[in-house]
């Protein structure tokens, strides 16, 4: 017998939210590799995940429905959206964006120079 999952919103104080945000923005060990994730790269991944979550919510799609479309467990999507997975694979991020009807552009840029589009 499958019991329905019950989701509840946790109300947090401003100081609790600030503490959580500080933890989320601090450098983390890679979940599977043990490497340090730089704060700039970590922030970019967190921003992307936040955008993907916001888009899912805008579309009115539940985590369970999106997870089914992506072919993953709902608990895995929940861990992604709540930043419990520190280093999701590029494939996962690309697939997530595509499932929501978006393209995701990954590019390599030199950190010391501003981006310069290649004209062709």
PDB file of N, CA and C in Angstrom:
ATOM      1  N   UNK A   1       0.834  -1.170   0.000  1.00  0.00           N
ATOM      2  CA  UNK A   1       0.000   0.000   0.000  1.00  0.00           C
ATOM      3  C   UNK A   1       0.885   1.241   0.000  1.00  0.00           C
ATOM      4  N   UNK A   2       0.756   2.054  -1.014  1.00  0.00           N
ATOM      5  CA  UNK A   2       1.534   3.287  -1.106  1.00  0.00           C
ATOM      6  C   UNK A   2       0.800   4.410  -0.401  1.00  0.00           C
ATOM      7  N   UNK A   3       1.475   5.036   0.509  1.00  0.00           N
ATOM      8  CA  UNK A   3       0.902   6.184   1.201  1.00  0.00           C
ATOM      9  C   UNK A   3       1.279   7.447   0.454  1.00  0.00           C
ATOM     10  N   UNK A   4       0.379   8.414   0.367  1.00  0.00           N
ATOM     11  CA  UNK A   4       0.731   9.661  -0.320  1.00  0.00           C
ATOM     12  C   UNK A   4       1.783  10.424   0.473  1.00  0.00           C
ATOM     13  N   UNK A   5       2.656  11.093  -0.238  1.00  0.00           N
ATOM     14  CA  UNK A   5       3.669  11.904   0.423  1.00  0.00           C
ATOM     15  C   UNK A   5       3.039  13.215   0.849  1.00  0.00           C
ATOM     16  N   UNK A   6       3.423  13.671   1.994  1.00  0.00           N
ATOM     17  CA  UNK A   6       2.921  14.932   2.501  1.00  0.00           C
ATOM     18  C   UNK A   6       4.070  15.929   2.492  1.00  0.00           C
ATOM     19  N   UNK A   7       3.867  17.034   1.806  1.00  0.00           N
ATOM     20  CA  UNK A   7       4.869  18.077   1.733  1.00  0.00           C
ATOM     21  C   UNK A   7       4.356  19.269   2.526  1.00  0.00           C
ATOM     22  N   UNK A   8       5.231  19.830   3.318  1.00  0.00           N
ATOM     23  CA  UNK A   8       4.833  21.011   4.054  1.00  0.00           C
ATOM     24  C   UNK A   8       5.920  22.060   3.942  1.00  0.00           C
ATOM     25  N   UNK A   9       5.495  23.284   3.907  1.00  0.00           N
ATOM     26  CA  UNK A   9       6.437  24.386   3.829  1.00  0.00           C
ATOM     27  C   UNK A   9       6.929  24.694   5.234  1.00  0.00           C
ATOM     28  N   UNK A  10       8.227  24.807   5.364  1.00  0.00           N
ATOM     29  CA  UNK A  10       8.820  25.121   6.657  1.00  0.00           C
ATOM     30  C   UNK A  10       8.999  26.637   6.732  1.00  0.00           C
ATOM     31  N   UNK A  11       8.379  27.223   7.720  1.00  0.00           N
ATOM     32  CA  UNK A  11       8.522  28.666   7.933  1.00  0.00           C
ATOM     33  C   UNK A  11       9.809  28.908   8.714  1.00  0.00           C
ATOM     34  N   UNK A  12      10.660  29.791   8.193  1.00  0.00           N
ATOM     35  CA  UNK A  12      11.928  30.088   8.841  1.00  0.00           C
ATOM     36  C   UNK A  12      12.023  31.585   9.124  1.00  0.00           C
ATOM     37  N   UNK A  13      12.720  31.933  10.182  1.00  0.00           N
ATOM     38  CA  UNK A  13      12.940  33.344  10.514  1.00  0.00           C
ATOM     39  C   UNK A  13      13.983  33.919   9.560  1.00  0.00           C
ATOM     40  N   UNK A  14      14.085  35.229   9.541  1.00  0.00           N
ATOM     41  CA  UNK A  14      15.066  35.894   8.676  1.00  0.00           C
ATOM     42  C   UNK A  14      16.484  35.457   9.023  1.00  0.00           C
ATOM     43  N   UNK A  15      16.784  35.307  10.313  1.00  0.00           N
ATOM     44  CA  UNK A  15      18.137  34.899  10.699  1.00  0.00           C
ATOM     45  C   UNK A  15      18.415  33.455  10.282  1.00  0.00           C
ATOM     46  N   UNK A  16      17.412  32.580  10.368  1.00  0.00           N
ATOM     47  CA  UNK A  16      17.587  31.192   9.918  1.00  0.00           C
ATOM     48  C   UNK A  16      17.818  31.149   8.409  1.00  0.00           C
ATOM     49  N   UNK A  17      17.060  31.952   7.652  1.00  0.00           N
ATOM     50  CA  UNK A  17      17.241  31.993   6.193  1.00  0.00           C
ATOM     51  C   UNK A  17      18.627  32.518   5.832  1.00  0.00           C
ATOM     52  N   UNK A  18      19.099  33.533   6.561  1.00  0.00           N
ATOM     53  CA  UNK A  18      20.430  34.092   6.304  1.00  0.00           C
ATOM     54  C   UNK A  18      21.517  33.060   6.591  1.00  0.00           C
ATOM     55  N   UNK A  19      21.355  32.298   7.666  1.00  0.00           N
ATOM     56  CA  UNK A  19      22.331  31.262   8.012  1.00  0.00           C
ATOM     57  C   UNK A  19      22.360  30.167   6.945  1.00  0.00           C
ATOM     58  N   UNK A  20      21.194  29.772   6.472  1.00  0.00           N
ATOM     59  CA  UNK A  20      21.113  28.748   5.425  1.00  0.00           C
ATOM     60  C   UNK A  20      21.757  29.271   4.149  1.00  0.00           C
ATOM     61  N   UNK A  21      21.494  30.520   3.795  1.00  0.00           N
ATOM     62  CA  UNK A  21      22.083  31.116   2.595  1.00  0.00           C
ATOM     63  C   UNK A  21      23.604  31.169   2.702  1.00  0.00           C
ATOM     64  N   UNK A  22      24.119  31.503   3.887  1.00  0.00           N
ATOM     65  CA  UNK A  22      25.566  31.544   4.094  1.00  0.00           C
ATOM     66  C   UNK A  22      26.177  30.154   3.909  1.00  0.00           C
ATOM     67  N   UNK A  23      25.523  29.148   4.441  1.00  0.00           N
ATOM     68  CA  UNK A  23      26.002  27.775   4.285  1.00  0.00           C
ATOM     69  C   UNK A  23      25.986  27.367   2.819  1.00  0.00           C
ATOM     70  N   UNK A  24      24.908  27.704   2.124  1.00  0.00           N
ATOM     71  CA  UNK A  24      24.782  27.348   0.706  1.00  0.00           C
ATOM     72  C   UNK A  24      25.842  28.026  -0.144  1.00  0.00           C
ATOM     73  N   UNK A  25      26.230  29.246   0.216  1.00  0.00           N
ATOM     74  CA  UNK A  25      27.185  29.998  -0.592  1.00  0.00           C
ATOM     75  C   UNK A  25      28.637  29.755  -0.216  1.00  0.00           C
ATOM     76  N   UNK A  26      28.897  28.972   0.820  1.00  0.00           N
ATOM     77  CA  UNK A  26      30.273  28.686   1.205  1.00  0.00           C
ATOM     78  C   UNK A  26      30.829  27.558   0.336  1.00  0.00           C
ATOM     79  N   UNK A  27      32.150  27.545   0.089  1.00  0.00           N
ATOM     80  CA  UNK A  27      32.729  26.461  -0.714  1.00  0.00           C
ATOM     81  C   UNK A  27      32.450  25.100  -0.085  1.00  0.00           C
ATOM     82  N   UNK A  28      32.162  24.133  -0.911  1.00  0.00           N
ATOM     83  CA  UNK A  28      31.819  22.794  -0.444  1.00  0.00           C
ATOM     84  C   UNK A  28      32.785  21.771  -1.034  1.00  0.00           C
ATOM     85  N   UNK A  29      32.890  20.633  -0.360  1.00  0.00           N
ATOM     86  CA  UNK A  29      33.598  19.501  -0.939  1.00  0.00           C
ATOM     87  C   UNK A  29      32.708  18.899  -2.003  1.00  0.00           C
ATOM     88  N   UNK A  30      33.304  18.460  -3.115  1.00  0.00           N
ATOM     89  CA  UNK A  30      32.525  17.782  -4.144  1.00  0.00           C
ATOM     90  C   UNK A  30      31.877  16.538  -3.570  1.00  0.00           C
ATOM     91  N   UNK A  31      30.621  16.296  -3.888  1.00  0.00           N
ATOM     92  CA  UNK A  31      29.870  15.196  -3.282  1.00  0.00           C
ATOM     93  C   UNK A  31      30.467  13.837  -3.619  1.00  0.00           C
ATOM     94  N   UNK A  32      31.001  13.682  -4.819  1.00  0.00           N
ATOM     95  CA  UNK A  32      31.516  12.366  -5.191  1.00  0.00           C
ATOM     96  C   UNK A  32      33.026  12.340  -5.367  1.00  0.00           C
ATOM     97  N   UNK A  33      33.631  13.499  -5.602  1.00  0.00           N
ATOM     98  CA  UNK A  33      35.059  13.493  -5.909  1.00  0.00           C
ATOM     99  C   UNK A  33      35.927  14.000  -4.776  1.00  0.00           C
ATOM    100  N   UNK A  34      35.351  14.698  -3.806  1.00  0.00           N
ATOM    101  CA  UNK A  34      36.123  15.236  -2.705  1.00  0.00           C
ATOM    102  C   UNK A  34      36.841  16.520  -3.036  1.00  0.00           C
ATOM    103  N   UNK A  35      36.716  17.016  -4.273  1.00  0.00           N
ATOM    104  CA  UNK A  35      37.406  18.241  -4.641  1.00  0.00           C
ATOM    105  C   UNK A  35      36.699  19.447  -4.030  1.00  0.00           C
ATOM    106  N   UNK A  36      37.427  20.528  -3.885  1.00  0.00           N
ATOM    107  CA  UNK A  36      36.833  21.770  -3.404  1.00  0.00           C
ATOM    108  C   UNK A  36      36.164  22.459  -4.586  1.00  0.00           C
ATOM    109  N   UNK A  37      34.966  22.928  -4.357  1.00  0.00           N
ATOM    110  CA  UNK A  37      34.234  23.659  -5.382  1.00  0.00           C
ATOM    111  C   UNK A  37      34.400  25.132  -5.062  1.00  0.00           C
ATOM    112  N   UNK A  38      34.987  25.905  -5.986  1.00  0.00           N
ATOM    113  CA  UNK A  38      35.204  27.324  -5.747  1.00  0.00           C
ATOM    114  C   UNK A  38      33.888  28.063  -5.593  1.00  0.00           C
ATOM    115  N   UNK A  39      33.924  29.134  -4.819  1.00  0.00           N
ATOM    116  CA  UNK A  39      32.680  29.848  -4.526  1.00  0.00           C
ATOM    117  C   UNK A  39      32.062  30.449  -5.782  1.00  0.00           C
ATOM    118  N   UNK A  40      32.869  30.875  -6.750  1.00  0.00           N
ATOM    119  CA  UNK A  40      32.331  31.452  -7.984  1.00  0.00           C
ATOM    120  C   UNK A  40      31.594  30.376  -8.789  1.00  0.00           C
ATOM    121  N   UNK A  41      32.220  29.219  -8.959  1.00  0.00           N
ATOM    122  CA  UNK A  41      31.581  28.127  -9.690  1.00  0.00           C
ATOM    123  C   UNK A  41      30.382  27.591  -8.943  1.00  0.00           C
ATOM    124  N   UNK A  42      30.500  27.501  -7.634  1.00  0.00           N
ATOM    125  CA  UNK A  42      29.402  27.024  -6.806  1.00  0.00           C
ATOM    126  C   UNK A  42      28.210  27.964  -6.920  1.00  0.00           C
ATOM    127  N   UNK A  43      28.474  29.263  -6.884  1.00  0.00           N
ATOM    128  CA  UNK A  43      27.399  30.247  -7.001  1.00  0.00           C
ATOM    129  C   UNK A  43      26.691  30.137  -8.344  1.00  0.00           C
ATOM    130  N   UNK A  44      27.451  29.894  -9.400  1.00  0.00           N
ATOM    131  CA  UNK A  44      26.847  29.765 -10.726  1.00  0.00           C
ATOM    132  C   UNK A  44      25.934  28.539 -10.792  1.00  0.00           C
ATOM    133  N   UNK A  45      26.375  27.438 -10.197  1.00  0.00           N
ATOM    134  CA  UNK A  45      25.550  26.227 -10.183  1.00  0.00           C
ATOM    135  C   UNK A  45      24.306  26.450  -9.340  1.00  0.00           C
ATOM    136  N   UNK A  46      24.455  27.098  -8.190  1.00  0.00           N
ATOM    137  CA  UNK A  46      23.301  27.373  -7.330  1.00  0.00           C
ATOM    138  C   UNK A  46      22.298  28.272  -8.035  1.00  0.00           C
ATOM    139  N   UNK A  47      22.792  29.268  -8.750  1.00  0.00           N
ATOM    140  CA  UNK A  47      21.898  30.178  -9.481  1.00  0.00           C
ATOM    141  C   UNK A  47      21.136  29.408 -10.548  1.00  0.00           C
ATOM    142  N   UNK A  48      21.835  28.546 -11.274  1.00  0.00           N
ATOM    143  CA  UNK A  48      21.187  27.749 -12.311  1.00  0.00           C
ATOM    144  C   UNK A  48      20.127  26.838 -11.713  1.00  0.00           C
ATOM    145  N   UNK A  49      20.445  26.169 -10.624  1.00  0.00           N
ATOM    146  CA  UNK A  49      19.474  25.284  -9.972  1.00  0.00           C
ATOM    147  C   UNK A  49      18.266  26.081  -9.503  1.00  0.00           C
ATOM    148  N   UNK A  50      18.505  27.269  -8.952  1.00  0.00           N
ATOM    149  CA  UNK A  50      17.397  28.117  -8.514  1.00  0.00           C
ATOM    150  C   UNK A  50      16.505  28.500  -9.699  1.00  0.00           C
ATOM    151  N   UNK A  51      17.127  28.792 -10.836  1.00  0.00           N
ATOM    152  CA  UNK A  51      16.362  29.144 -12.034  1.00  0.00           C
ATOM    153  C   UNK A  51      15.548  27.950 -12.526  1.00  0.00           C
ATOM    154  N   UNK A  52      16.141  26.767 -12.501  1.00  0.00           N
ATOM    155  CA  UNK A  52      15.418  25.574 -12.943  1.00  0.00           C
ATOM    156  C   UNK A  52      14.234  25.286 -12.025  1.00  0.00           C
ATOM    157  N   UNK A  53      14.453  25.422 -10.746  1.00  0.00           N
ATOM    158  CA  UNK A  53      13.360  25.201  -9.791  1.00  0.00           C
ATOM    159  C   UNK A  53      12.247  26.228 -10.000  1.00  0.00           C
ATOM    160  N   UNK A  54      12.627  27.503 -10.151  1.00  0.00           N
ATOM    161  CA  UNK A  54      11.640  28.568 -10.362  1.00  0.00           C
ATOM    162  C   UNK A  54      10.839  28.313 -11.638  1.00  0.00           C
ATOM    163  N   UNK A  55      11.513  27.852 -12.680  1.00  0.00           N
ATOM    164  CA  UNK A  55      10.815  27.573 -13.942  1.00  0.00           C
ATOM    165  C   UNK A  55       9.827  26.424 -13.763  1.00  0.00           C
ATOM    166  N   UNK A  56      10.240  25.385 -13.032  1.00  0.00           N
ATOM    167  CA  UNK A  56       9.319  24.274 -12.762  1.00  0.00           C
ATOM    168  C   UNK A  56       8.081  24.777 -12.039  1.00  0.00           C
ATOM    169  N   UNK A  57       8.303  25.619 -11.044  1.00  0.00           N
ATOM    170  CA  UNK A  57       7.182  26.156 -10.275  1.00  0.00           C
ATOM    171  C   UNK A  57       6.297  27.058 -11.126  1.00  0.00           C
ATOM    172  N   UNK A  58       6.906  27.884 -12.009  1.00  0.00           N
ATOM    173  CA  UNK A  58       6.135  28.740 -12.919  1.00  0.00           C
ATOM    174  C   UNK A  58       5.228  27.913 -13.816  1.00  0.00           C
ATOM    175  N   UNK A  59       5.738  26.772 -14.252  1.00  0.00           N
ATOM    176  CA  UNK A  59       4.967  25.895 -15.138  1.00  0.00           C
ATOM    177  C   UNK A  59       3.927  25.079 -14.377  1.00  0.00           C
ATOM    178  N   UNK A  60       3.974  25.130 -13.056  1.00  0.00           N
ATOM    179  CA  UNK A  60       3.015  24.387 -12.241  1.00  0.00           C
ATOM    180  C   UNK A  60       3.241  22.885 -12.265  1.00  0.00           C
ATOM    181  N   UNK A  61       4.490  22.486 -12.437  1.00  0.00           N
ATOM    182  CA  UNK A  61       4.844  21.070 -12.488  1.00  0.00           C
ATOM    183  C   UNK A  61       5.357  20.652 -11.114  1.00  0.00           C
ATOM    184  N   UNK A  62       4.848  19.565 -10.584  1.00  0.00           N
ATOM    185  CA  UNK A  62       5.321  19.080  -9.282  1.00  0.00           C
ATOM    186  C   UNK A  62       6.691  18.427  -9.436  1.00  0.00           C
ATOM    187  N   UNK A  63       7.388  18.282  -8.321  1.00  0.00           N
ATOM    188  CA  UNK A  63       8.672  17.586  -8.343  1.00  0.00           C
ATOM    189  C   UNK A  63       8.481  16.152  -8.837  1.00  0.00           C
ATOM    190  N   UNK A  64       7.408  15.527  -8.390  1.00  0.00           N
ATOM    191  CA  UNK A  64       7.158  14.133  -8.775  1.00  0.00           C
ATOM    192  C   UNK A  64       6.960  14.023 -10.274  1.00  0.00           C
ATOM    193  N   UNK A  65       6.169  14.926 -10.849  1.00  0.00           N
ATOM    194  CA  UNK A  65       5.903  14.889 -12.292  1.00  0.00           C
ATOM    195  C   UNK A  65       7.177  15.147 -13.089  1.00  0.00           C
ATOM    196  N   UNK A  66       7.956  16.151 -12.677  1.00  0.00           N
ATOM    197  CA  UNK A  66       9.191  16.454 -13.396  1.00  0.00           C
ATOM    198  C   UNK A  66      10.178  15.300 -13.284  1.00  0.00           C
ATOM    199  N   UNK A  67      10.285  14.718 -12.102  1.00  0.00           N
ATOM    200  CA  UNK A  67      11.198  13.589 -11.912  1.00  0.00           C
ATOM    201  C   UNK A  67      10.810  12.431 -12.834  1.00  0.00           C
ATOM    202  N   UNK A  68       9.513  12.163 -12.954  1.00  0.00           N
ATOM    203  CA  UNK A  68       9.062  11.102 -13.855  1.00  0.00           C
ATOM    204  C   UNK A  68       9.450  11.418 -15.293  1.00  0.00           C
ATOM    205  N   UNK A  69       9.265  12.679 -15.714  1.00  0.00           N
ATOM    206  CA  UNK A  69       9.640  13.086 -17.079  1.00  0.00           C
ATOM    207  C   UNK A  69      11.142  12.942 -17.307  1.00  0.00           C
ATOM    208  N   UNK A  70      11.932  13.222 -16.260  1.00  0.00           N
ATOM    209  CA  UNK A  70      13.389  13.132 -16.381  1.00  0.00           C
ATOM    210  C   UNK A  70      13.889  11.697 -16.249  1.00  0.00           C
ATOM    211  N   UNK A  71      13.045  10.813 -15.705  1.00  0.00           N
ATOM    212  CA  UNK A  71      13.459   9.431 -15.506  1.00  0.00           C
ATOM    213  C   UNK A  71      14.313   9.246 -14.260  1.00  0.00           C
ATOM    214  N   UNK A  72      14.088  10.085 -13.253  1.00  0.00           N
ATOM    215  CA  UNK A  72      14.820   9.964 -11.992  1.00  0.00           C
ATOM    216  C   UNK A  72      13.820   9.867 -10.849  1.00  0.00           C
ATOM    217  N   UNK A  73      14.309   9.542  -9.667  1.00  0.00           N
ATOM    218  CA  UNK A  73      13.465   9.485  -8.478  1.00  0.00           C
ATOM    219  C   UNK A  73      13.120  10.903  -8.033  1.00  0.00           C
ATOM    220  N   UNK A  74      11.916  11.083  -7.505  1.00  0.00           N
ATOM    221  CA  UNK A  74      11.516  12.395  -6.994  1.00  0.00           C
ATOM    222  C   UNK A  74      12.440  12.847  -5.870  1.00  0.00           C
ATOM    223  N   UNK A  75      12.915  11.906  -5.073  1.00  0.00           N
ATOM    224  CA  UNK A  75      13.832  12.264  -3.977  1.00  0.00           C
ATOM    225  C   UNK A  75      15.149  12.823  -4.526  1.00  0.00           C
ATOM    226  N   UNK A  76      15.588  12.323  -5.679  1.00  0.00           N
ATOM    227  CA  UNK A  76      16.815  12.833  -6.293  1.00  0.00           C
ATOM    228  C   UNK A  76      16.610  14.277  -6.758  1.00  0.00           C
ATOM    229  N   UNK A  77      15.453  14.545  -7.352  1.00  0.00           N
ATOM    230  CA  UNK A  77      15.161  15.913  -7.783  1.00  0.00           C
ATOM    231  C   UNK A  77      15.055  16.836  -6.577  1.00  0.00           C
ATOM    232  N   UNK A  78      14.451  16.361  -5.521  1.00  0.00           N
ATOM    233  CA  UNK A  78      14.340  17.153  -4.283  1.00  0.00           C
ATOM    234  C   UNK A  78      15.735  17.494  -3.751  1.00  0.00           C
ATOM    235  N   UNK A  79      16.646  16.540  -3.766  1.00  0.00           N
ATOM    236  CA  UNK A  79      18.013  16.798  -3.292  1.00  0.00           C
ATOM    237  C   UNK A  79      18.705  17.830  -4.176  1.00  0.00           C
ATOM    238  N   UNK A  80      18.431  17.787  -5.479  1.00  0.00           N
ATOM    239  CA  UNK A  80      19.004  18.785  -6.385  1.00  0.00           C
ATOM    240  C   UNK A  80      18.457  20.175  -6.067  1.00  0.00           C
ATOM    241  N   UNK A  81      17.148  20.271  -5.951  1.00  0.00           N
ATOM    242  CA  UNK A  81      16.513  21.572  -5.757  1.00  0.00           C
ATOM    243  C   UNK A  81      16.781  22.182  -4.382  1.00  0.00           C
ATOM    244  N   UNK A  82      17.135  21.377  -3.416  1.00  0.00           N
ATOM    245  CA  UNK A  82      17.422  21.895  -2.071  1.00  0.00           C
ATOM    246  C   UNK A  82      18.930  21.959  -1.809  1.00  0.00           C
ATOM    247  N   UNK A  83      19.716  21.833  -2.862  1.00  0.00           N
ATOM    248  CA  UNK A  83      21.168  21.992  -2.813  1.00  0.00           C
ATOM    249  C   UNK A  83      21.856  20.960  -1.940  1.00  0.00           C
ATOM    250  N   UNK A  84      21.258  19.796  -1.802  1.00  0.00           N
ATOM    251  CA  UNK A  84      21.905  18.719  -1.060  1.00  0.00           C
ATOM    252  C   UNK A  84      22.891  17.965  -1.959  1.00  0.00           C
ATOM    253  N   UNK A  85      22.724  18.094  -3.268  1.00  0.00           N
ATOM    254  CA  UNK A  85      23.688  17.570  -4.234  1.00  0.00           C
ATOM    255  C   UNK A  85      24.520  18.757  -4.682  1.00  0.00           C
ATOM    256  N   UNK A  86      25.795  18.734  -4.318  1.00  0.00           N
ATOM    257  CA  UNK A  86      26.662  19.885  -4.554  1.00  0.00           C
ATOM    258  C   UNK A  86      27.152  19.951  -5.997  1.00  0.00           C
ATOM    259  N   UNK A  87      27.384  18.811  -6.608  1.00  0.00           N
ATOM    260  CA  UNK A  87      27.961  18.831  -7.952  1.00  0.00           C
ATOM    261  C   UNK A  87      27.164  17.952  -8.920  1.00  0.00           C
ATOM    262  N   UNK A  88      25.975  18.401  -9.326  1.00  0.00           N
ATOM    263  CA  UNK A  88      25.231  17.618 -10.308  1.00  0.00           C
ATOM    264  C   UNK A  88      26.014  17.559 -11.615  1.00  0.00           C
ATOM    265  N   UNK A  89      25.855  16.479 -12.337  1.00  0.00           N
ATOM    266  CA  UNK A  89      26.587  16.342 -13.600  1.00  0.00           C
ATOM    267  C   UNK A  89      26.050  17.325 -14.631  1.00  0.00           C
ATOM    268  N   UNK A  90      26.903  17.654 -15.595  1.00  0.00           N
ATOM    269  CA  UNK A  90      26.479  18.527 -16.689  1.00  0.00           C
ATOM    270  C   UNK A  90      25.311  17.885 -17.434  1.00  0.00           C
ATOM    271  N   UNK A  91      25.354  16.570 -17.607  1.00  0.00           N
ATOM    272  CA  UNK A  91      24.258  15.867 -18.278  1.00  0.00           C
ATOM    273  C   UNK A  91      22.954  16.068 -17.522  1.00  0.00           C
ATOM    274  N   UNK A  92      22.985  15.948 -16.192  1.00  0.00           N
ATOM    275  CA  UNK A  92      21.777  16.131 -15.393  1.00  0.00           C
ATOM    276  C   UNK A  92      21.220  17.536 -15.578  1.00  0.00           C
ATOM    277  N   UNK A  93      22.074  18.548 -15.523  1.00  0.00           N
ATOM    278  CA  UNK A  93      21.627  19.930 -15.696  1.00  0.00           C
ATOM    279  C   UNK A  93      21.059  20.155 -17.098  1.00  0.00           C
ATOM    280  N   UNK A  94      21.735  19.616 -18.106  1.00  0.00           N
ATOM    281  CA  UNK A  94      21.235  19.748 -19.484  1.00  0.00           C
ATOM    282  C   UNK A  94      19.882  19.064 -19.649  1.00  0.00           C
ATOM    283  N   UNK A  95      19.766  17.858 -19.132  1.00  0.00           N
ATOM    284  CA  UNK A  95      18.519  17.096 -19.238  1.00  0.00           C
ATOM    285  C   UNK A  95      17.390  17.797 -18.484  1.00  0.00           C
ATOM    286  N   UNK A  96      17.691  18.331 -17.330  1.00  0.00           N
ATOM    287  CA  UNK A  96      16.720  19.060 -16.513  1.00  0.00           C
ATOM    288  C   UNK A  96      16.172  20.253 -17.296  1.00  0.00           C
ATOM    289  N   UNK A  97      17.086  21.050 -17.883  1.00  0.00           N
ATOM    290  CA  UNK A  97      16.676  22.221 -18.667  1.00  0.00           C
ATOM    291  C   UNK A  97      15.833  21.809 -19.880  1.00  0.00           C
ATOM    292  N   UNK A  98      16.270  20.775 -20.583  1.00  0.00           N
ATOM    293  CA  UNK A  98      15.534  20.316 -21.767  1.00  0.00           C
ATOM    294  C   UNK A  98      14.148  19.807 -21.408  1.00  0.00           C
ATOM    295  N   UNK A  99      14.033  19.129 -20.275  1.00  0.00           N
ATOM    296  CA  UNK A  99      12.744  18.613 -19.832  1.00  0.00           C
ATOM    297  C   UNK A  99      11.778  19.760 -19.552  1.00  0.00           C
ATOM    298  N   UNK A 100      12.322  20.904 -19.135  1.00  0.00           N
ATOM    299  CA  UNK A 100      11.502  22.091 -18.891  1.00  0.00           C
ATOM    300  C   UNK A 100      11.322  22.948 -20.149  1.00  0.00           C
ATOM    301  N   UNK A 101      11.853  22.463 -21.280  1.00  0.00           N
ATOM    302  CA  UNK A 101      11.687  23.176 -22.546  1.00  0.00           C
ATOM    303  C   UNK A 101      12.696  24.284 -22.782  1.00  0.00           C
ATOM    304  N   UNK A 102      13.873  24.166 -22.190  1.00  0.00           N
ATOM    305  CA  UNK A 102      14.910  25.188 -22.340  1.00  0.00           C
ATOM    306  C   UNK A 102      16.210  24.565 -22.830  1.00  0.00           C
ATOM    307  N   UNK A 103      17.033  25.395 -23.468  1.00  0.00           N
ATOM    308  CA  UNK A 103      18.390  25.008 -23.827  1.00  0.00           C
ATOM    309  C   UNK A 103      19.315  25.519 -22.731  1.00  0.00           C
ATOM    310  N   UNK A 104      20.393  24.798 -22.523  1.00  0.00           N
ATOM    311  CA  UNK A 104      21.407  25.217 -21.555  1.00  0.00           C
ATOM    312  C   UNK A 104      22.717  25.320 -22.313  1.00  0.00           C
ATOM    313  N   UNK A 105      23.346  26.486 -22.246  1.00  0.00           N
ATOM    314  CA  UNK A 105      24.583  26.730 -22.970  1.00  0.00           C
ATOM    315  C   UNK A 105      25.759  26.625 -22.012  1.00  0.00           C
ATOM    316  N   UNK A 106      26.641  25.671 -22.264  1.00  0.00           N
ATOM    317  CA  UNK A 106      27.875  25.543 -21.486  1.00  0.00           C
ATOM    318  C   UNK A 106      29.022  25.972 -22.385  1.00  0.00           C
ATOM    319  N   UNK A 107      29.887  26.820 -21.856  1.00  0.00           N
ATOM    320  CA  UNK A 107      31.009  27.281 -22.665  1.00  0.00           C
ATOM    321  C   UNK A 107      32.251  27.417 -21.803  1.00  0.00           C
ATOM    322  N   UNK A 108      33.393  27.345 -22.434  1.00  0.00           N
ATOM    323  CA  UNK A 108      34.673  27.497 -21.763  1.00  0.00           C
ATOM    324  C   UNK A 108      35.171  28.911 -22.016  1.00  0.00           C
ATOM    325  N   UNK A 109      35.471  29.625 -20.924  1.00  0.00           N
ATOM    326  CA  UNK A 109      35.984  30.987 -21.052  1.00  0.00           C
ATOM    327  C   UNK A 109      37.246  31.128 -20.226  1.00  0.00           C
ATOM    328  N   UNK A 110      38.163  31.949 -20.705  1.00  0.00           N
ATOM    329  CA  UNK A 110      39.367  32.273 -19.964  1.00  0.00           C
ATOM    330  C   UNK A 110      38.981  33.180 -18.816  1.00  0.00           C
ATOM    331  N   UNK A 111      39.396  32.851 -17.587  1.00  0.00           N
ATOM    332  CA  UNK A 111      39.017  33.639 -16.419  1.00  0.00           C
ATOM    333  C   UNK A 111      39.660  35.014 -16.393  1.00  0.00           C
ATOM    334  N   UNK A 112      40.799  35.179 -17.037  1.00  0.00           N
ATOM    335  CA  UNK A 112      41.524  36.441 -16.944  1.00  0.00           C
ATOM    336  C   UNK A 112      41.060  37.472 -17.974  1.00  0.00           C
ATOM    337  N   UNK A 113      40.311  37.070 -18.974  1.00  0.00           N
ATOM    338  CA  UNK A 113      39.837  38.015 -19.973  1.00  0.00           C
ATOM    339  C   UNK A 113      38.315  37.942 -20.079  1.00  0.00           C
ATOM    340  N   UNK A 114      37.695  39.077 -20.391  1.00  0.00           N
ATOM    341  CA  UNK A 114      36.229  39.059 -20.547  1.00  0.00           C
ATOM    342  C   UNK A 114      35.845  38.228 -21.754  1.00  0.00           C
ATOM    343  N   UNK A 115      34.608  37.706 -21.772  1.00  0.00           N
ATOM    344  CA  UNK A 115      34.163  36.891 -22.911  1.00  0.00           C
ATOM    345  C   UNK A 115      34.198  37.706 -24.197  1.00  0.00           C
ATOM    346  N   UNK A 116      34.655  37.050 -25.254  1.00  0.00           N
ATOM    347  CA  UNK A 116      34.728  37.674 -26.556  1.00  0.00           C
ATOM    348  C   UNK A 116      34.135  36.704 -27.571  1.00  0.00           C
ATOM    349  N   UNK A 117      32.928  36.991 -28.096  1.00  0.00           N
ATOM    350  CA  UNK A 117      32.325  36.046 -29.039  1.00  0.00           C
ATOM    351  C   UNK A 117      33.177  35.907 -30.293  1.00  0.00           C
ATOM    352  N   UNK A 118      33.253  34.693 -30.772  1.00  0.00           N
ATOM    353  CA  UNK A 118      34.013  34.398 -31.984  1.00  0.00           C
ATOM    354  C   UNK A 118      33.138  34.746 -33.186  1.00  0.00           C
ATOM    355  N   UNK A 119      33.638  35.596 -34.030  1.00  0.00           N
ATOM    356  CA  UNK A 119      32.858  35.960 -35.243  1.00  0.00           C
ATOM    357  C   UNK A 119      33.288  35.053 -36.364  1.00  0.00           C
ATOM    358  N   UNK A 120      32.316  34.662 -37.152  1.00  0.00           N
ATOM    359  CA  UNK A 120      32.667  33.728 -38.191  1.00  0.00           C
ATOM    360  C   UNK A 120      32.000  33.948 -39.432  1.00  0.00           C
TER     361      UNK A 120
END
